[in-house]
Amino acid sequence: MHTATSSMPTRFQAHKAWIGHNLEEIAAGSIYQSEALRKYADSQEPGEVATALAFKGNWTANKTFFEWAGESEREGEAKGWRVRRFGQAMASMANSGSAKIDHINAGFDWDSLGEATVVDVSTFPHSSACIRTTTKPCPTDTFLNSLDPFTNTF
C-alpha cells in the first residue's frame, strides 16, 4: 500500500531517478565532504572531490563526475547508467518548478553591473544560462560558469 508521496517514484521515472541520484551519489559524497576539503583544498584536479572518495577504487583524479558516471557499470544496467539517471534527475528538477530563478532576476539590479562579467560558481552548471536567457538586456559574454566548459556556447 502506497501513499500519494511514496507512490511518486513508481509512477514517475524522473522522480525515481532524482531520488536515486541524490541517495546514491550526492549523499555518498556528502559523507566525505570534510575529508575532501582537508585533502583537496588546493587541488585543480576534476576528480579530487568528495564523491570520488565515496567511490574510491574506480575513480581516478583526472576524471570528471560525468566521465566516471559514463563508465559506471552495474549488473542489469547498460554502461553509463549513472549519466542517464542524472539526465532524468535534472529533467525532474526542471519540471518540478523547484529550481526556478525568478527571484534572482527580480531581486537584483542587473543594469547596475554595466559592462561586468558574472562568474557563476554554483554546482548547478546551467544557472548562468538560465539567468542569461531571462535577463534583459544581457550581452552573450556576461555570464561565465566556472564548472561548465560549454557556458560560452549558450
Protein backbone atom coordinates (compact mmCIF):
# COMPACT_ATOMS: atom_id res chain seq x y z
CA MET A 1 0.00 0.00 0.00
CA HIS A 2 1.43 3.38 -1.04
CA THR A 3 0.59 6.90 -0.02
CA ALA A 4 0.44 9.64 -2.65
CA THR A 5 4.03 10.58 -1.77
CA SER A 6 5.53 7.09 -1.60
CA SER A 7 3.98 6.16 -4.95
CA MET A 8 5.73 9.01 -6.81
CA PRO A 9 8.87 7.03 -7.74
CA THR A 10 6.76 4.17 -9.07
CA ARG A 11 4.55 6.48 -11.14
CA PHE A 12 7.17 8.93 -12.40
CA GLN A 13 10.55 7.62 -13.63
CA ALA A 14 12.15 11.07 -13.38
CA HIS A 15 11.33 11.29 -9.67
CA LYS A 16 12.79 7.83 -9.15
CA ALA A 17 15.96 8.99 -10.92
CA TRP A 18 16.17 12.14 -8.78
CA ILE A 19 15.83 10.12 -5.57
CA GLY A 20 18.37 7.53 -6.73
CA HIS A 21 20.92 10.14 -7.81
CA ASN A 22 20.62 12.04 -4.55
CA LEU A 23 20.79 8.95 -2.34
CA GLU A 24 23.49 7.08 -4.22
CA GLU A 25 25.84 9.81 -5.48
CA ILE A 26 25.10 13.06 -3.63
CA ALA A 27 24.54 11.60 -0.16
CA ALA A 28 27.50 9.24 -0.54
CA GLY A 29 29.75 12.17 -1.45
CA SER A 30 28.46 14.44 1.30
CA ILE A 31 29.71 11.98 3.91
CA TYR A 32 33.25 12.66 2.63
CA GLN A 33 32.91 16.44 2.20
CA SER A 34 35.03 17.38 5.22
CA GLU A 35 37.75 14.92 4.27
CA ALA A 36 37.76 16.16 0.68
CA LEU A 37 38.10 19.78 1.81
CA ARG A 38 41.06 18.89 4.01
CA LYS A 39 42.68 16.67 1.40
CA TYR A 40 41.98 18.60 -1.81
CA ALA A 41 41.52 22.24 -0.78
CA ASP A 42 44.06 23.50 -3.32
CA SER A 43 43.54 20.86 -5.99
CA GLN A 44 42.65 21.65 -9.57
CA GLU A 45 42.04 18.00 -10.48
CA PRO A 46 38.43 17.36 -11.57
CA GLY A 47 38.27 14.04 -9.74
CA GLU A 48 39.64 15.15 -6.39
CA VAL A 49 36.19 15.61 -4.89
CA ALA A 50 34.07 14.15 -2.10
CA THR A 51 32.07 11.85 -4.37
CA ALA A 52 35.30 10.32 -5.68
CA LEU A 53 36.29 9.46 -2.10
CA ALA A 54 32.94 7.75 -1.64
CA PHE A 55 33.53 5.62 -4.73
CA LYS A 56 37.26 5.03 -4.18
CA GLY A 57 38.80 2.32 -6.23
CA ASN A 58 37.06 3.08 -9.51
CA TRP A 59 37.59 6.84 -9.89
CA THR A 60 40.88 8.49 -10.79
CA ALA A 61 41.84 12.11 -10.11
CA ASN A 62 41.81 13.11 -13.77
CA LYS A 63 38.17 12.07 -14.36
CA THR A 64 35.22 14.40 -14.01
CA PHE A 65 31.98 13.20 -12.45
CA PHE A 66 30.49 12.78 -15.92
CA GLU A 67 33.42 10.75 -17.23
CA TRP A 68 33.23 8.46 -14.19
CA ALA A 69 29.44 8.20 -14.40
CA GLY A 70 29.63 7.43 -18.13
CA GLU A 71 31.86 4.45 -17.41
CA SER A 72 29.81 3.16 -14.46
CA GLU A 73 28.56 -0.37 -14.74
CA ARG A 74 26.05 -2.26 -12.61
CA GLU A 75 24.52 -5.69 -13.01
CA GLY A 76 21.35 -5.43 -15.04
CA GLU A 77 22.17 -1.91 -16.31
CA ALA A 78 23.88 -0.76 -19.50
CA LYS A 79 27.21 1.02 -19.18
CA GLY A 80 26.72 4.71 -18.40
CA TRP A 81 23.52 4.20 -16.42
CA ARG A 82 24.54 6.91 -13.92
CA VAL A 83 24.73 9.56 -16.67
CA ARG A 84 21.31 8.60 -17.99
CA ARG A 85 19.89 8.69 -14.47
CA PHE A 86 21.50 12.10 -13.88
CA GLY A 87 19.79 13.43 -17.00
CA GLN A 88 16.45 12.09 -15.83
CA ALA A 89 17.04 13.62 -12.38
CA MET A 90 17.76 17.04 -13.92
CA ALA A 91 14.63 16.74 -16.05
CA SER A 92 12.69 16.04 -12.86
CA MET A 93 14.13 19.20 -11.27
CA ALA A 94 13.35 21.31 -14.32
CA ASN A 95 9.77 20.08 -14.46
CA SER A 96 9.13 20.35 -10.72
CA GLY A 97 9.43 24.12 -10.53
CA SER A 98 11.73 23.85 -7.53
CA ALA A 99 14.72 25.22 -9.45
CA LYS A 100 13.14 28.47 -10.56
CA ILE A 101 15.35 31.55 -10.60
CA ASP A 102 12.76 34.30 -10.92
CA HIS A 103 13.79 35.67 -7.53
CA ILE A 104 17.37 36.17 -8.77
CA ASN A 105 16.23 38.12 -11.81
CA ALA A 106 13.68 40.20 -9.92
CA GLY A 107 15.76 40.78 -6.81
CA PHE A 108 18.97 42.07 -8.35
CA ASP A 109 19.58 45.25 -10.34
CA TRP A 110 21.39 43.70 -13.30
CA ASP A 111 21.71 47.06 -15.05
CA SER A 112 23.91 48.24 -12.15
CA LEU A 113 26.64 45.88 -13.38
CA GLY A 114 27.24 47.85 -16.55
CA GLU A 115 29.90 46.07 -18.64
CA ALA A 116 30.70 43.47 -15.92
CA THR A 117 31.23 39.74 -16.24
CA VAL A 118 29.40 37.47 -13.80
CA VAL A 119 31.15 34.21 -12.89
CA ASP A 120 28.72 31.56 -11.70
CA VAL A 121 30.42 29.23 -9.22
CA SER A 122 27.33 27.24 -8.35
CA THR A 123 27.17 23.48 -8.50
CA PHE A 124 24.22 23.77 -10.89
CA PRO A 125 26.23 24.38 -14.05
CA HIS A 126 23.45 25.89 -16.11
CA SER A 127 22.34 28.53 -13.61
CA SER A 128 24.15 31.21 -15.57
CA ALA A 129 22.44 30.14 -18.78
CA CYS A 130 19.05 30.29 -17.08
CA ILE A 131 19.75 33.78 -15.77
CA ARG A 132 21.14 34.91 -19.11
CA THR A 133 18.09 33.83 -21.08
CA THR A 134 15.67 35.56 -18.73
CA THR A 135 17.56 38.79 -18.01
CA LYS A 136 17.09 41.72 -20.40
CA PRO A 137 19.30 43.14 -21.79
CA CYS A 138 22.11 40.62 -21.48
CA PRO A 139 25.25 40.52 -23.64
CA THR A 140 26.21 36.97 -24.65
CA ASP A 141 29.52 37.02 -22.76
CA THR A 142 28.19 38.44 -19.47
CA PHE A 143 27.77 35.11 -17.66
CA LEU A 144 30.52 32.52 -17.29
CA ASN A 145 30.24 29.30 -15.29
CA SER A 146 33.47 28.07 -13.77
CA LEU A 147 32.29 24.45 -13.85
CA ASP A 148 30.78 24.32 -17.33
CA PRO A 149 33.10 24.16 -20.36
CA PHE A 150 30.13 24.84 -22.67
CA THR A 151 28.96 28.05 -21.00
CA ASN A 152 30.04 30.35 -23.79
CA THR A 153 28.08 28.36 -26.38
CA PHE A 154 24.59 29.14 -24.99
